[in-house]
Amino acid sequence: VRAVGITVSERQAELARERVRDAGL
């Protein structure tokens, strides 16, 4: 799928983006 994830936590978003990049996604 093509996914959009939303959160109001800046710290969560920062790590989530890092994990997405690490997974090549």
PDBML (XML) file of the C-alpha atoms, coordinates in Angstrom:
<?xml version="1.0" encoding="UTF-8" ?>
<PDBx:datablock datablockName="MODEL"
   xmlns:PDBx="http://pdbml.pdb.org/schema/pdbx-v50.xsd"
   xmlns:xsi="http://www.w3.org/2001/XMLSchema-instance"
   xsi:schemaLocation="http://pdbml.pdb.org/schema/pdbx-v50.xsd pdbx-v50.xsd">
   <PDBx:atom_siteCategory>
      <PDBx:atom_site id="1">
         <PDBx:B_iso_or_equiv>0.00</PDBx:B_iso_or_equiv>
         <PDBx:Cartn_x>0.000</PDBx:Cartn_x>
         <PDBx:Cartn_y>0.000</PDBx:Cartn_y>
         <PDBx:Cartn_z>0.000</PDBx:Cartn_z>
         <PDBx:auth_asym_id>A</PDBx:auth_asym_id>
         <PDBx:auth_atom_id>CA</PDBx:auth_atom_id>
         <PDBx:auth_comp_id>VAL</PDBx:auth_comp_id>
         <PDBx:auth_seq_id>1</PDBx:auth_seq_id>
         <PDBx:group_PDB>ATOM</PDBx:group_PDB>
         <PDBx:label_alt_id xsi:nil="true" />
         <PDBx:label_asym_id>A</PDBx:label_asym_id>
         <PDBx:label_atom_id>CA</PDBx:label_atom_id>
         <PDBx:label_comp_id>VAL</PDBx:label_comp_id>
         <PDBx:label_entity_id>1</PDBx:label_entity_id>
         <PDBx:label_seq_id>1</PDBx:label_seq_id>
         <PDBx:occupancy>1.00</PDBx:occupancy>
         <PDBx:pdbx_PDB_model_num>1</PDBx:pdbx_PDB_model_num>
         <PDBx:type_symbol>C</PDBx:type_symbol>
      </PDBx:atom_site>
      <PDBx:atom_site id="2">
         <PDBx:B_iso_or_equiv>0.00</PDBx:B_iso_or_equiv>
         <PDBx:Cartn_x>0.833</PDBx:Cartn_x>
         <PDBx:Cartn_y>3.700</PDBx:Cartn_y>
         <PDBx:Cartn_z>-0.088</PDBx:Cartn_z>
         <PDBx:auth_asym_id>A</PDBx:auth_asym_id>
         <PDBx:auth_atom_id>CA</PDBx:auth_atom_id>
         <PDBx:auth_comp_id>ARG</PDBx:auth_comp_id>
         <PDBx:auth_seq_id>2</PDBx:auth_seq_id>
         <PDBx:group_PDB>ATOM</PDBx:group_PDB>
         <PDBx:label_alt_id xsi:nil="true" />
         <PDBx:label_asym_id>A</PDBx:label_asym_id>
         <PDBx:label_atom_id>CA</PDBx:label_atom_id>
         <PDBx:label_comp_id>ARG</PDBx:label_comp_id>
         <PDBx:label_entity_id>1</PDBx:label_entity_id>
         <PDBx:label_seq_id>2</PDBx:label_seq_id>
         <PDBx:occupancy>1.00</PDBx:occupancy>
         <PDBx:pdbx_PDB_model_num>1</PDBx:pdbx_PDB_model_num>
         <PDBx:type_symbol>C</PDBx:type_symbol>
      </PDBx:atom_site>
      <PDBx:atom_site id="3">
         <PDBx:B_iso_or_equiv>0.00</PDBx:B_iso_or_equiv>
         <PDBx:Cartn_x>0.450</PDBx:Cartn_x>
         <PDBx:Cartn_y>4.846</PDBx:Cartn_y>
         <PDBx:Cartn_z>3.498</PDBx:Cartn_z>
         <PDBx:auth_asym_id>A</PDBx:auth_asym_id>
         <PDBx:auth_atom_id>CA</PDBx:auth_atom_id>
         <PDBx:auth_comp_id>ALA</PDBx:auth_comp_id>
         <PDBx:auth_seq_id>3</PDBx:auth_seq_id>
         <PDBx:group_PDB>ATOM</PDBx:group_PDB>
         <PDBx:label_alt_id xsi:nil="true" />
         <PDBx:label_asym_id>A</PDBx:label_asym_id>
         <PDBx:label_atom_id>CA</PDBx:label_atom_id>
         <PDBx:label_comp_id>ALA</PDBx:label_comp_id>
         <PDBx:label_entity_id>1</PDBx:label_entity_id>
         <PDBx:label_seq_id>3</PDBx:label_seq_id>
         <PDBx:occupancy>1.00</PDBx:occupancy>
         <PDBx:pdbx_PDB_model_num>1</PDBx:pdbx_PDB_model_num>
         <PDBx:type_symbol>C</PDBx:type_symbol>
      </PDBx:atom_site>
      <PDBx:atom_site id="4">
         <PDBx:B_iso_or_equiv>0.00</PDBx:B_iso_or_equiv>
         <PDBx:Cartn_x>0.120</PDBx:Cartn_x>
         <PDBx:Cartn_y>8.082</PDBx:Cartn_y>
         <PDBx:Cartn_z>5.416</PDBx:Cartn_z>
         <PDBx:auth_asym_id>A</PDBx:auth_asym_id>
         <PDBx:auth_atom_id>CA</PDBx:auth_atom_id>
         <PDBx:auth_comp_id>VAL</PDBx:auth_comp_id>
         <PDBx:auth_seq_id>4</PDBx:auth_seq_id>
         <PDBx:group_PDB>ATOM</PDBx:group_PDB>
         <PDBx:label_alt_id xsi:nil="true" />
         <PDBx:label_asym_id>A</PDBx:label_asym_id>
         <PDBx:label_atom_id>CA</PDBx:label_atom_id>
         <PDBx:label_comp_id>VAL</PDBx:label_comp_id>
         <PDBx:label_entity_id>1</PDBx:label_entity_id>
         <PDBx:label_seq_id>4</PDBx:label_seq_id>
         <PDBx:occupancy>1.00</PDBx:occupancy>
         <PDBx:pdbx_PDB_model_num>1</PDBx:pdbx_PDB_model_num>
         <PDBx:type_symbol>C</PDBx:type_symbol>
      </PDBx:atom_site>
      <PDBx:atom_site id="5">
         <PDBx:B_iso_or_equiv>0.00</PDBx:B_iso_or_equiv>
         <PDBx:Cartn_x>0.630</PDBx:Cartn_x>
         <PDBx:Cartn_y>8.014</PDBx:Cartn_y>
         <PDBx:Cartn_z>9.171</PDBx:Cartn_z>
         <PDBx:auth_asym_id>A</PDBx:auth_asym_id>
         <PDBx:auth_atom_id>CA</PDBx:auth_atom_id>
         <PDBx:auth_comp_id>GLY</PDBx:auth_comp_id>
         <PDBx:auth_seq_id>5</PDBx:auth_seq_id>
         <PDBx:group_PDB>ATOM</PDBx:group_PDB>
         <PDBx:label_alt_id xsi:nil="true" />
         <PDBx:label_asym_id>A</PDBx:label_asym_id>
         <PDBx:label_atom_id>CA</PDBx:label_atom_id>
         <PDBx:label_comp_id>GLY</PDBx:label_comp_id>
         <PDBx:label_entity_id>1</PDBx:label_entity_id>
         <PDBx:label_seq_id>5</PDBx:label_seq_id>
         <PDBx:occupancy>1.00</PDBx:occupancy>
         <PDBx:pdbx_PDB_model_num>1</PDBx:pdbx_PDB_model_num>
         <PDBx:type_symbol>C</PDBx:type_symbol>
      </PDBx:atom_site>
      <PDBx:atom_site id="6">
         <PDBx:B_iso_or_equiv>0.00</PDBx:B_iso_or_equiv>
         <PDBx:Cartn_x>-0.293</PDBx:Cartn_x>
         <PDBx:Cartn_y>10.965</PDBx:Cartn_y>
         <PDBx:Cartn_z>11.376</PDBx:Cartn_z>
         <PDBx:auth_asym_id>A</PDBx:auth_asym_id>
         <PDBx:auth_atom_id>CA</PDBx:auth_atom_id>
         <PDBx:auth_comp_id>ILE</PDBx:auth_comp_id>
         <PDBx:auth_seq_id>6</PDBx:auth_seq_id>
         <PDBx:group_PDB>ATOM</PDBx:group_PDB>
         <PDBx:label_alt_id xsi:nil="true" />
         <PDBx:label_asym_id>A</PDBx:label_asym_id>
         <PDBx:label_atom_id>CA</PDBx:label_atom_id>
         <PDBx:label_comp_id>ILE</PDBx:label_comp_id>
         <PDBx:label_entity_id>1</PDBx:label_entity_id>
         <PDBx:label_seq_id>6</PDBx:label_seq_id>
         <PDBx:occupancy>1.00</PDBx:occupancy>
         <PDBx:pdbx_PDB_model_num>1</PDBx:pdbx_PDB_model_num>
         <PDBx:type_symbol>C</PDBx:type_symbol>
      </PDBx:atom_site>
      <PDBx:atom_site id="7">
         <PDBx:B_iso_or_equiv>0.00</PDBx:B_iso_or_equiv>
         <PDBx:Cartn_x>0.708</PDBx:Cartn_x>
         <PDBx:Cartn_y>11.809</PDBx:Cartn_y>
         <PDBx:Cartn_z>14.933</PDBx:Cartn_z>
         <PDBx:auth_asym_id>A</PDBx:auth_asym_id>
         <PDBx:auth_atom_id>CA</PDBx:auth_atom_id>
         <PDBx:auth_comp_id>THR</PDBx:auth_comp_id>
         <PDBx:auth_seq_id>7</PDBx:auth_seq_id>
         <PDBx:group_PDB>ATOM</PDBx:group_PDB>
         <PDBx:label_alt_id xsi:nil="true" />
         <PDBx:label_asym_id>A</PDBx:label_asym_id>
         <PDBx:label_atom_id>CA</PDBx:label_atom_id>
         <PDBx:label_comp_id>THR</PDBx:label_comp_id>
         <PDBx:label_entity_id>1</PDBx:label_entity_id>
         <PDBx:label_seq_id>7</PDBx:label_seq_id>
         <PDBx:occupancy>1.00</PDBx:occupancy>
         <PDBx:pdbx_PDB_model_num>1</PDBx:pdbx_PDB_model_num>
         <PDBx:type_symbol>C</PDBx:type_symbol>
      </PDBx:atom_site>
      <PDBx:atom_site id="8">
         <PDBx:B_iso_or_equiv>0.00</PDBx:B_iso_or_equiv>
         <PDBx:Cartn_x>0.739</PDBx:Cartn_x>
         <PDBx:Cartn_y>15.018</PDBx:Cartn_y>
         <PDBx:Cartn_z>16.977</PDBx:Cartn_z>
         <PDBx:auth_asym_id>A</PDBx:auth_asym_id>
         <PDBx:auth_atom_id>CA</PDBx:auth_atom_id>
         <PDBx:auth_comp_id>VAL</PDBx:auth_comp_id>
         <PDBx:auth_seq_id>8</PDBx:auth_seq_id>
         <PDBx:group_PDB>ATOM</PDBx:group_PDB>
         <PDBx:label_alt_id xsi:nil="true" />
         <PDBx:label_asym_id>A</PDBx:label_asym_id>
         <PDBx:label_atom_id>CA</PDBx:label_atom_id>
         <PDBx:label_comp_id>VAL</PDBx:label_comp_id>
         <PDBx:label_entity_id>1</PDBx:label_entity_id>
         <PDBx:label_seq_id>8</PDBx:label_seq_id>
         <PDBx:occupancy>1.00</PDBx:occupancy>
         <PDBx:pdbx_PDB_model_num>1</PDBx:pdbx_PDB_model_num>
         <PDBx:type_symbol>C</PDBx:type_symbol>
      </PDBx:atom_site>
      <PDBx:atom_site id="9">
         <PDBx:B_iso_or_equiv>0.00</PDBx:B_iso_or_equiv>
         <PDBx:Cartn_x>3.994</PDBx:Cartn_x>
         <PDBx:Cartn_y>14.007</PDBx:Cartn_y>
         <PDBx:Cartn_z>18.673</PDBx:Cartn_z>
         <PDBx:auth_asym_id>A</PDBx:auth_asym_id>
         <PDBx:auth_atom_id>CA</PDBx:auth_atom_id>
         <PDBx:auth_comp_id>SER</PDBx:auth_comp_id>
         <PDBx:auth_seq_id>9</PDBx:auth_seq_id>
         <PDBx:group_PDB>ATOM</PDBx:group_PDB>
         <PDBx:label_alt_id xsi:nil="true" />
         <PDBx:label_asym_id>A</PDBx:label_asym_id>
         <PDBx:label_atom_id>CA</PDBx:label_atom_id>
         <PDBx:label_comp_id>SER</PDBx:label_comp_id>
         <PDBx:label_entity_id>1</PDBx:label_entity_id>
         <PDBx:label_seq_id>9</PDBx:label_seq_id>
         <PDBx:occupancy>1.00</PDBx:occupancy>
         <PDBx:pdbx_PDB_model_num>1</PDBx:pdbx_PDB_model_num>
         <PDBx:type_symbol>C</PDBx:type_symbol>
      </PDBx:atom_site>
      <PDBx:atom_site id="10">
         <PDBx:B_iso_or_equiv>0.00</PDBx:B_iso_or_equiv>
         <PDBx:Cartn_x>7.083</PDBx:Cartn_x>
         <PDBx:Cartn_y>15.499</PDBx:Cartn_y>
         <PDBx:Cartn_z>17.053</PDBx:Cartn_z>
         <PDBx:auth_asym_id>A</PDBx:auth_asym_id>
         <PDBx:auth_atom_id>CA</PDBx:auth_atom_id>
         <PDBx:auth_comp_id>GLU</PDBx:auth_comp_id>
         <PDBx:auth_seq_id>10</PDBx:auth_seq_id>
         <PDBx:group_PDB>ATOM</PDBx:group_PDB>
         <PDBx:label_alt_id xsi:nil="true" />
         <PDBx:label_asym_id>A</PDBx:label_asym_id>
         <PDBx:label_atom_id>CA</PDBx:label_atom_id>
         <PDBx:label_comp_id>GLU</PDBx:label_comp_id>
         <PDBx:label_entity_id>1</PDBx:label_entity_id>
         <PDBx:label_seq_id>10</PDBx:label_seq_id>
         <PDBx:occupancy>1.00</PDBx:occupancy>
         <PDBx:pdbx_PDB_model_num>1</PDBx:pdbx_PDB_model_num>
         <PDBx:type_symbol>C</PDBx:type_symbol>
      </PDBx:atom_site>
      <PDBx:atom_site id="11">
         <PDBx:B_iso_or_equiv>0.00</PDBx:B_iso_or_equiv>
         <PDBx:Cartn_x>9.328</PDBx:Cartn_x>
         <PDBx:Cartn_y>12.919</PDBx:Cartn_y>
         <PDBx:Cartn_z>18.710</PDBx:Cartn_z>
         <PDBx:auth_asym_id>A</PDBx:auth_asym_id>
         <PDBx:auth_atom_id>CA</PDBx:auth_atom_id>
         <PDBx:auth_comp_id>ARG</PDBx:auth_comp_id>
         <PDBx:auth_seq_id>11</PDBx:auth_seq_id>
         <PDBx:group_PDB>ATOM</PDBx:group_PDB>
         <PDBx:label_alt_id xsi:nil="true" />
         <PDBx:label_asym_id>A</PDBx:label_asym_id>
         <PDBx:label_atom_id>CA</PDBx:label_atom_id>
         <PDBx:label_comp_id>ARG</PDBx:label_comp_id>
         <PDBx:label_entity_id>1</PDBx:label_entity_id>
         <PDBx:label_seq_id>11</PDBx:label_seq_id>
         <PDBx:occupancy>1.00</PDBx:occupancy>
         <PDBx:pdbx_PDB_model_num>1</PDBx:pdbx_PDB_model_num>
         <PDBx:type_symbol>C</PDBx:type_symbol>
      </PDBx:atom_site>
      <PDBx:atom_site id="12">
         <PDBx:B_iso_or_equiv>0.00</PDBx:B_iso_or_equiv>
         <PDBx:Cartn_x>7.237</PDBx:Cartn_x>
         <PDBx:Cartn_y>10.033</PDBx:Cartn_y>
         <PDBx:Cartn_z>17.449</PDBx:Cartn_z>
         <PDBx:auth_asym_id>A</PDBx:auth_asym_id>
         <PDBx:auth_atom_id>CA</PDBx:auth_atom_id>
         <PDBx:auth_comp_id>GLN</PDBx:auth_comp_id>
         <PDBx:auth_seq_id>12</PDBx:auth_seq_id>
         <PDBx:group_PDB>ATOM</PDBx:group_PDB>
         <PDBx:label_alt_id xsi:nil="true" />
         <PDBx:label_asym_id>A</PDBx:label_asym_id>
         <PDBx:label_atom_id>CA</PDBx:label_atom_id>
         <PDBx:label_comp_id>GLN</PDBx:label_comp_id>
         <PDBx:label_entity_id>1</PDBx:label_entity_id>
         <PDBx:label_seq_id>12</PDBx:label_seq_id>
         <PDBx:occupancy>1.00</PDBx:occupancy>
         <PDBx:pdbx_PDB_model_num>1</PDBx:pdbx_PDB_model_num>
         <PDBx:type_symbol>C</PDBx:type_symbol>
      </PDBx:atom_site>
      <PDBx:atom_site id="13">
         <PDBx:B_iso_or_equiv>0.00</PDBx:B_iso_or_equiv>
         <PDBx:Cartn_x>7.241</PDBx:Cartn_x>
         <PDBx:Cartn_y>11.450</PDBx:Cartn_y>
         <PDBx:Cartn_z>13.935</PDBx:Cartn_z>
         <PDBx:auth_asym_id>A</PDBx:auth_asym_id>
         <PDBx:auth_atom_id>CA</PDBx:auth_atom_id>
         <PDBx:auth_comp_id>ALA</PDBx:auth_comp_id>
         <PDBx:auth_seq_id>13</PDBx:auth_seq_id>
         <PDBx:group_PDB>ATOM</PDBx:group_PDB>
         <PDBx:label_alt_id xsi:nil="true" />
         <PDBx:label_asym_id>A</PDBx:label_asym_id>
         <PDBx:label_atom_id>CA</PDBx:label_atom_id>
         <PDBx:label_comp_id>ALA</PDBx:label_comp_id>
         <PDBx:label_entity_id>1</PDBx:label_entity_id>
         <PDBx:label_seq_id>13</PDBx:label_seq_id>
         <PDBx:occupancy>1.00</PDBx:occupancy>
         <PDBx:pdbx_PDB_model_num>1</PDBx:pdbx_PDB_model_num>
         <PDBx:type_symbol>C</PDBx:type_symbol>
      </PDBx:atom_site>
      <PDBx:atom_site id="14">
         <PDBx:B_iso_or_equiv>0.00</PDBx:B_iso_or_equiv>
         <PDBx:Cartn_x>11.007</PDBx:Cartn_x>
         <PDBx:Cartn_y>11.928</PDBx:Cartn_y>
         <PDBx:Cartn_z>13.972</PDBx:Cartn_z>
         <PDBx:auth_asym_id>A</PDBx:auth_asym_id>
         <PDBx:auth_atom_id>CA</PDBx:auth_atom_id>
         <PDBx:auth_comp_id>GLU</PDBx:auth_comp_id>
         <PDBx:auth_seq_id>14</PDBx:auth_seq_id>
         <PDBx:group_PDB>ATOM</PDBx:group_PDB>
         <PDBx:label_alt_id xsi:nil="true" />
         <PDBx:label_asym_id>A</PDBx:label_asym_id>
         <PDBx:label_atom_id>CA</PDBx:label_atom_id>
         <PDBx:label_comp_id>GLU</PDBx:label_comp_id>
         <PDBx:label_entity_id>1</PDBx:label_entity_id>
         <PDBx:label_seq_id>14</PDBx:label_seq_id>
         <PDBx:occupancy>1.00</PDBx:occupancy>
         <PDBx:pdbx_PDB_model_num>1</PDBx:pdbx_PDB_model_num>
         <PDBx:type_symbol>C</PDBx:type_symbol>
      </PDBx:atom_site>
      <PDBx:atom_site id="15">
         <PDBx:B_iso_or_equiv>0.00</PDBx:B_iso_or_equiv>
         <PDBx:Cartn_x>11.665</PDBx:Cartn_x>
         <PDBx:Cartn_y>8.298</PDBx:Cartn_y>
         <PDBx:Cartn_z>14.850</PDBx:Cartn_z>
         <PDBx:auth_asym_id>A</PDBx:auth_asym_id>
         <PDBx:auth_atom_id>CA</PDBx:auth_atom_id>
         <PDBx:auth_comp_id>LEU</PDBx:auth_comp_id>
         <PDBx:auth_seq_id>15</PDBx:auth_seq_id>
         <PDBx:group_PDB>ATOM</PDBx:group_PDB>
         <PDBx:label_alt_id xsi:nil="true" />
         <PDBx:label_asym_id>A</PDBx:label_asym_id>
         <PDBx:label_atom_id>CA</PDBx:label_atom_id>
         <PDBx:label_comp_id>LEU</PDBx:label_comp_id>
         <PDBx:label_entity_id>1</PDBx:label_entity_id>
         <PDBx:label_seq_id>15</PDBx:label_seq_id>
         <PDBx:occupancy>1.00</PDBx:occupancy>
         <PDBx:pdbx_PDB_model_num>1</PDBx:pdbx_PDB_model_num>
         <PDBx:type_symbol>C</PDBx:type_symbol>
      </PDBx:atom_site>
      <PDBx:atom_site id="16">
         <PDBx:B_iso_or_equiv>0.00</PDBx:B_iso_or_equiv>
         <PDBx:Cartn_x>8.874</PDBx:Cartn_x>
         <PDBx:Cartn_y>6.987</PDBx:Cartn_y>
         <PDBx:Cartn_z>12.610</PDBx:Cartn_z>
         <PDBx:auth_asym_id>A</PDBx:auth_asym_id>
         <PDBx:auth_atom_id>CA</PDBx:auth_atom_id>
         <PDBx:auth_comp_id>ALA</PDBx:auth_comp_id>
         <PDBx:auth_seq_id>16</PDBx:auth_seq_id>
         <PDBx:group_PDB>ATOM</PDBx:group_PDB>
         <PDBx:label_alt_id xsi:nil="true" />
         <PDBx:label_asym_id>A</PDBx:label_asym_id>
         <PDBx:label_atom_id>CA</PDBx:label_atom_id>
         <PDBx:label_comp_id>ALA</PDBx:label_comp_id>
         <PDBx:label_entity_id>1</PDBx:label_entity_id>
         <PDBx:label_seq_id>16</PDBx:label_seq_id>
         <PDBx:occupancy>1.00</PDBx:occupancy>
         <PDBx:pdbx_PDB_model_num>1</PDBx:pdbx_PDB_model_num>
         <PDBx:type_symbol>C</PDBx:type_symbol>
      </PDBx:atom_site>
      <PDBx:atom_site id="17">
         <PDBx:B_iso_or_equiv>0.00</PDBx:B_iso_or_equiv>
         <PDBx:Cartn_x>10.435</PDBx:Cartn_x>
         <PDBx:Cartn_y>8.735</PDBx:Cartn_y>
         <PDBx:Cartn_z>9.595</PDBx:Cartn_z>
         <PDBx:auth_asym_id>A</PDBx:auth_asym_id>
         <PDBx:auth_atom_id>CA</PDBx:auth_atom_id>
         <PDBx:auth_comp_id>ARG</PDBx:auth_comp_id>
         <PDBx:auth_seq_id>17</PDBx:auth_seq_id>
         <PDBx:group_PDB>ATOM</PDBx:group_PDB>
         <PDBx:label_alt_id xsi:nil="true" />
         <PDBx:label_asym_id>A</PDBx:label_asym_id>
         <PDBx:label_atom_id>CA</PDBx:label_atom_id>
         <PDBx:label_comp_id>ARG</PDBx:label_comp_id>
         <PDBx:label_entity_id>1</PDBx:label_entity_id>
         <PDBx:label_seq_id>17</PDBx:label_seq_id>
         <PDBx:occupancy>1.00</PDBx:occupancy>
         <PDBx:pdbx_PDB_model_num>1</PDBx:pdbx_PDB_model_num>
         <PDBx:type_symbol>C</PDBx:type_symbol>
      </PDBx:atom_site>
      <PDBx:atom_site id="18">
         <PDBx:B_iso_or_equiv>0.00</PDBx:B_iso_or_equiv>
         <PDBx:Cartn_x>13.828</PDBx:Cartn_x>
         <PDBx:Cartn_y>7.312</PDBx:Cartn_y>
         <PDBx:Cartn_z>10.483</PDBx:Cartn_z>
         <PDBx:auth_asym_id>A</PDBx:auth_asym_id>
         <PDBx:auth_atom_id>CA</PDBx:auth_atom_id>
         <PDBx:auth_comp_id>GLU</PDBx:auth_comp_id>
         <PDBx:auth_seq_id>18</PDBx:auth_seq_id>
         <PDBx:group_PDB>ATOM</PDBx:group_PDB>
         <PDBx:label_alt_id xsi:nil="true" />
         <PDBx:label_asym_id>A</PDBx:label_asym_id>
         <PDBx:label_atom_id>CA</PDBx:label_atom_id>
         <PDBx:label_comp_id>GLU</PDBx:label_comp_id>
         <PDBx:label_entity_id>1</PDBx:label_entity_id>
         <PDBx:label_seq_id>18</PDBx:label_seq_id>
         <PDBx:occupancy>1.00</PDBx:occupancy>
         <PDBx:pdbx_PDB_model_num>1</PDBx:pdbx_PDB_model_num>
         <PDBx:type_symbol>C</PDBx:type_symbol>
      </PDBx:atom_site>
      <PDBx:atom_site id="19">
         <PDBx:B_iso_or_equiv>0.00</PDBx:B_iso_or_equiv>
         <PDBx:Cartn_x>12.377</PDBx:Cartn_x>
         <PDBx:Cartn_y>3.793</PDBx:Cartn_y>
         <PDBx:Cartn_z>10.667</PDBx:Cartn_z>
         <PDBx:auth_asym_id>A</PDBx:auth_asym_id>
         <PDBx:auth_atom_id>CA</PDBx:auth_atom_id>
         <PDBx:auth_comp_id>ARG</PDBx:auth_comp_id>
         <PDBx:auth_seq_id>19</PDBx:auth_seq_id>
         <PDBx:group_PDB>ATOM</PDBx:group_PDB>
         <PDBx:label_alt_id xsi:nil="true" />
         <PDBx:label_asym_id>A</PDBx:label_asym_id>
         <PDBx:label_atom_id>CA</PDBx:label_atom_id>
         <PDBx:label_comp_id>ARG</PDBx:label_comp_id>
         <PDBx:label_entity_id>1</PDBx:label_entity_id>
         <PDBx:label_seq_id>19</PDBx:label_seq_id>
         <PDBx:occupancy>1.00</PDBx:occupancy>
         <PDBx:pdbx_PDB_model_num>1</PDBx:pdbx_PDB_model_num>
         <PDBx:type_symbol>C</PDBx:type_symbol>
      </PDBx:atom_site>
      <PDBx:atom_site id="20">
         <PDBx:B_iso_or_equiv>0.00</PDBx:B_iso_or_equiv>
         <PDBx:Cartn_x>10.594</PDBx:Cartn_x>
         <PDBx:Cartn_y>4.263</PDBx:Cartn_y>
         <PDBx:Cartn_z>7.338</PDBx:Cartn_z>
         <PDBx:auth_asym_id>A</PDBx:auth_asym_id>
         <PDBx:auth_atom_id>CA</PDBx:auth_atom_id>
         <PDBx:auth_comp_id>VAL</PDBx:auth_comp_id>
         <PDBx:auth_seq_id>20</PDBx:auth_seq_id>
         <PDBx:group_PDB>ATOM</PDBx:group_PDB>
         <PDBx:label_alt_id xsi:nil="true" />
         <PDBx:label_asym_id>A</PDBx:label_asym_id>
         <PDBx:label_atom_id>CA</PDBx:label_atom_id>
         <PDBx:label_comp_id>VAL</PDBx:label_comp_id>
         <PDBx:label_entity_id>1</PDBx:label_entity_id>
         <PDBx:label_seq_id>20</PDBx:label_seq_id>
         <PDBx:occupancy>1.00</PDBx:occupancy>
         <PDBx:pdbx_PDB_model_num>1</PDBx:pdbx_PDB_model_num>
         <PDBx:type_symbol>C</PDBx:type_symbol>
      </PDBx:atom_site>
      <PDBx:atom_site id="21">
         <PDBx:B_iso_or_equiv>0.00</PDBx:B_iso_or_equiv>
         <PDBx:Cartn_x>13.846</PDBx:Cartn_x>
         <PDBx:Cartn_y>5.378</PDBx:Cartn_y>
         <PDBx:Cartn_z>5.680</PDBx:Cartn_z>
         <PDBx:auth_asym_id>A</PDBx:auth_asym_id>
         <PDBx:auth_atom_id>CA</PDBx:auth_atom_id>
         <PDBx:auth_comp_id>ARG</PDBx:auth_comp_id>
         <PDBx:auth_seq_id>21</PDBx:auth_seq_id>
         <PDBx:group_PDB>ATOM</PDBx:group_PDB>
         <PDBx:label_alt_id xsi:nil="true" />
         <PDBx:label_asym_id>A</PDBx:label_asym_id>
         <PDBx:label_atom_id>CA</PDBx:label_atom_id>
         <PDBx:label_comp_id>ARG</PDBx:label_comp_id>
         <PDBx:label_entity_id>1</PDBx:label_entity_id>
         <PDBx:label_seq_id>21</PDBx:label_seq_id>
         <PDBx:occupancy>1.00</PDBx:occupancy>
         <PDBx:pdbx_PDB_model_num>1</PDBx:pdbx_PDB_model_num>
         <PDBx:type_symbol>C</PDBx:type_symbol>
      </PDBx:atom_site>
      <PDBx:atom_site id="22">
         <PDBx:B_iso_or_equiv>0.00</PDBx:B_iso_or_equiv>
         <PDBx:Cartn_x>15.760</PDBx:Cartn_x>
         <PDBx:Cartn_y>2.483</PDBx:Cartn_y>
         <PDBx:Cartn_z>7.213</PDBx:Cartn_z>
         <PDBx:auth_asym_id>A</PDBx:auth_asym_id>
         <PDBx:auth_atom_id>CA</PDBx:auth_atom_id>
         <PDBx:auth_comp_id>ASP</PDBx:auth_comp_id>
         <PDBx:auth_seq_id>22</PDBx:auth_seq_id>
         <PDBx:group_PDB>ATOM</PDBx:group_PDB>
         <PDBx:label_alt_id xsi:nil="true" />
         <PDBx:label_asym_id>A</PDBx:label_asym_id>
         <PDBx:label_atom_id>CA</PDBx:label_atom_id>
         <PDBx:label_comp_id>ASP</PDBx:label_comp_id>
         <PDBx:label_entity_id>1</PDBx:label_entity_id>
         <PDBx:label_seq_id>22</PDBx:label_seq_id>
         <PDBx:occupancy>1.00</PDBx:occupancy>
         <PDBx:pdbx_PDB_model_num>1</PDBx:pdbx_PDB_model_num>
         <PDBx:type_symbol>C</PDBx:type_symbol>
      </PDBx:atom_site>
      <PDBx:atom_site id="23">
         <PDBx:B_iso_or_equiv>0.00</PDBx:B_iso_or_equiv>
         <PDBx:Cartn_x>13.208</PDBx:Cartn_x>
         <PDBx:Cartn_y>0.068</PDBx:Cartn_y>
         <PDBx:Cartn_z>5.766</PDBx:Cartn_z>
         <PDBx:auth_asym_id>A</PDBx:auth_asym_id>
         <PDBx:auth_atom_id>CA</PDBx:auth_atom_id>
         <PDBx:auth_comp_id>ALA</PDBx:auth_comp_id>
         <PDBx:auth_seq_id>23</PDBx:auth_seq_id>
         <PDBx:group_PDB>ATOM</PDBx:group_PDB>
         <PDBx:label_alt_id xsi:nil="true" />
         <PDBx:label_asym_id>A</PDBx:label_asym_id>
         <PDBx:label_atom_id>CA</PDBx:label_atom_id>
         <PDBx:label_comp_id>ALA</PDBx:label_comp_id>
         <PDBx:label_entity_id>1</PDBx:label_entity_id>
         <PDBx:label_seq_id>23</PDBx:label_seq_id>
         <PDBx:occupancy>1.00</PDBx:occupancy>
         <PDBx:pdbx_PDB_model_num>1</PDBx:pdbx_PDB_model_num>
         <PDBx:type_symbol>C</PDBx:type_symbol>
      </PDBx:atom_site>
      <PDBx:atom_site id="24">
         <PDBx:B_iso_or_equiv>0.00</PDBx:B_iso_or_equiv>
         <PDBx:Cartn_x>13.604</PDBx:Cartn_x>
         <PDBx:Cartn_y>1.600</PDBx:Cartn_y>
         <PDBx:Cartn_z>2.293</PDBx:Cartn_z>
         <PDBx:auth_asym_id>A</PDBx:auth_asym_id>
         <PDBx:auth_atom_id>CA</PDBx:auth_atom_id>
         <PDBx:auth_comp_id>GLY</PDBx:auth_comp_id>
         <PDBx:auth_seq_id>24</PDBx:auth_seq_id>
         <PDBx:group_PDB>ATOM</PDBx:group_PDB>
         <PDBx:label_alt_id xsi:nil="true" />
         <PDBx:label_asym_id>A</PDBx:label_asym_id>
         <PDBx:label_atom_id>CA</PDBx:label_atom_id>
         <PDBx:label_comp_id>GLY</PDBx:label_comp_id>
         <PDBx:label_entity_id>1</PDBx:label_entity_id>
         <PDBx:label_seq_id>24</PDBx:label_seq_id>
         <PDBx:occupancy>1.00</PDBx:occupancy>
         <PDBx:pdbx_PDB_model_num>1</PDBx:pdbx_PDB_model_num>
         <PDBx:type_symbol>C</PDBx:type_symbol>
      </PDBx:atom_site>
      <PDBx:atom_site id="25">
         <PDBx:B_iso_or_equiv>0.00</PDBx:B_iso_or_equiv>
         <PDBx:Cartn_x>9.956</PDBx:Cartn_x>
         <PDBx:Cartn_y>2.672</PDBx:Cartn_y>
         <PDBx:Cartn_z>2.207</PDBx:Cartn_z>
         <PDBx:auth_asym_id>A</PDBx:auth_asym_id>
         <PDBx:auth_atom_id>CA</PDBx:auth_atom_id>
         <PDBx:auth_comp_id>LEU</PDBx:auth_comp_id>
         <PDBx:auth_seq_id>25</PDBx:auth_seq_id>
         <PDBx:group_PDB>ATOM</PDBx:group_PDB>
         <PDBx:label_alt_id xsi:nil="true" />
         <PDBx:label_asym_id>A</PDBx:label_asym_id>
         <PDBx:label_atom_id>CA</PDBx:label_atom_id>
         <PDBx:label_comp_id>LEU</PDBx:label_comp_id>
         <PDBx:label_entity_id>1</PDBx:label_entity_id>
         <PDBx:label_seq_id>25</PDBx:label_seq_id>
         <PDBx:occupancy>1.00</PDBx:occupancy>
         <PDBx:pdbx_PDB_model_num>1</PDBx:pdbx_PDB_model_num>
         <PDBx:type_symbol>C</PDBx:type_symbol>
      </PDBx:atom_site>
   </PDBx:atom_siteCategory>
</PDBx:datablock>
